[in-house]
Every structure is written in structure tokens, then in C-alpha cells.
Amino acid sequence: MSRPLQYTRLLSAYTRPSLSLHLNRTLLSPFLLPCRTATTDATRSQPPTHPPISARPTSRNFDAEKQRPDQLLPDDPAYFTGNPHYYKYLRQINAAIRENESQLRQLEDNGDAQTSADWMNLQTMQVQLEMKLDPTTYRNLTEKLNFLVPLASKNPKIEELLRPFVLPGQSLIKAAPETLTLDELGRSYTYGSRKRAIAQVWMVEGDGQIYVNGIPMIDVFPEIVERESIVRPFEATGTLGKYNVWALVQASGPMSQASAVAVAVARGIAVHNPHLKEHLQQLGMTTIDTRQKERIKTNKIGARKSRTWRKR
């Protein structure tokens, strides 16, 4: 089929380079007007901002890659553990113990080794130092720290190592407990407790009178078991009838109050006669009994006792 003459002339015009450019500008002039106004001669003269695209693959510069800085690594290998702060301090403590092993052995032979210090408790150390600790791990860590305490005053590096484990503002070395002594009137002041009962006792040499809350003991504790628990420390040390006792006690029941007064009395005897302190400690009379009554559980008769099981 023959093509129309007009179509053939139009097609030949597009094939000519000079005419094709003219026809393109003529036919597409409405669409090119915005681009014409935006582009200027200064813009056309500027080189392209992007690099020319080349199909040839670029070669790698291995010499330049060798000159790049090495990959950053953590300062301590404990970074890769699940508990980095703990193992970081543990490695430093073990290194300090190995470096000063000879001095530590010499202090232990002389009997000058420090056995304890005023460290943070378990919960505070977990929060302040961001460490994961359980009671066993905490105990092992504090035992290692106690080895280095005698050298803290002589070696600034060890003191700097131990300082984070003590609360701010507190001394590194644990202060010795104050020794109880008699006051200017010859009285001793001690305290004791049992369950919720708290007792304060003043003792002075006398004829054996015992007052509880300003009332004679026999009127406050009518049961003989309660009175026997109070005078038992005097019987164990052979000082019955040698001291007058003034006690203040509150809370809980009569048996707990009597036990609290008995602990305070035993401690008062140890203040008047320091040579009896070890004997009273061996008998357990100066130790506070921290046991408490277990609470009643839900849907039970008592702390442990349950209701009788019935099938129907």
C-alpha cells in the first residue's frame, strides 16, 4: 500500500538533521517555554556537577586502603562479656593483688591485715556501678577488696581503685565500733529487742532492785517464766543481787518484752565487767533474736495450717 505524499514529505523532513531540529522546536515550543526562561547562558556554560558516567570498572587503590586507620576496638576485653563493668573491676583487682602479693603476705604474718571495710551494699553497688551481682558474687568481690585495704593508705593507685566501691563522702576504712563505757554516775546504758519489743536498760551497782517502766518487775511480769528470763544473765555470771536495773520497754507482748530486757541486761553486765563479755557471748545472751512471727496466709487458718480437705 502506497503512503500519502504529505506523510512521506513529513517523514523525510524528520530524517534531515537541520529540519528535524527546526520541527522539534516548532512542534514542542509550548512545552519548552518554562525551560527556556529558567536556563540562561551562564547556566549553560557551567560544567556538570556530577562526574561523567563510565562503563569501564574503576580500579581499587589498595595503597590508600592500607593507610586508613585500623578498626576501633574497645579498651577492655570485658566489653564482650555479659557483665562488662564487673569483669573490668575484677581484672583490675586481681592484677593489683598479684602485684602486691609479697606485701600482703607480710601484713598477714604480722597480723595487720584489714578484715573489713565500709563497702556499698549489694543493691547500691548494682545501681551505682551498673553491675549484675548476686549474693555469692558480691561476697567474693568484697573479700578480694578487703585484701587491698591495708595498702590503700600507702599506695594511691590502690586507693583510687577501691574508691568507687565506697559511698561518696565516707571513709574507706570502716570505723571501729565505739566501746560502751560507764557514764560519770557509774551507769551503763544498753538496749535489746525481740520481735517488735524494744527495751532500754540503765544499770548501776546496788542491791538487786529491778524496775520496768517505773513499776517493780513482779507487777509487770506476773508469769515466773518471764521473770526468770530477765534474771538469767545474773545467774549465769554470779552477779545476782549486785546491780539495780531501770528498764523502759514498749510494744509487742509480755514474753517478747521480757526477752528484750534480758538481752539489754546481759549487755549491761558486759559493760560493768568486760571479762564476762566473752562468756555471755558464748551463751548467746548478748545476741538479739531476729526471728519474727510468720504472718497468716490467705485462705488458711494460720501461717502454715490449712483447712481440712473435703471432697464434697
Foldseek 3Di string as FASTA:
>chain_A
DDDDPVVVVVVVLCVDPVSVVVVVCVVCVVVCVVVVVVDDPVNVPDDDPDDDDDPDDDDDDVVVVVPDDDDDDDPDPLVPPPWSLVVVLVVVLVVVCVVCVVVLVVCVVVVNQFQAWQFDDDVVCCVQRVGDDDPVRVVVVRRSLSSCVVCVVVDVVNVVSQVSRHPPPDDGHHDDDDDWAADPVQWGWFWFFAAHKIKIKIKHFDFAFEEEPNHGPCVLDVDPVLVCLQCVLCVQVVNHRGMYMYMYMDDDDSNRNSLGNNLRVNVRVCRVPVVCVVVCVVVVSNPHDPDYAAAADPQAPGNPHHDDDDPD
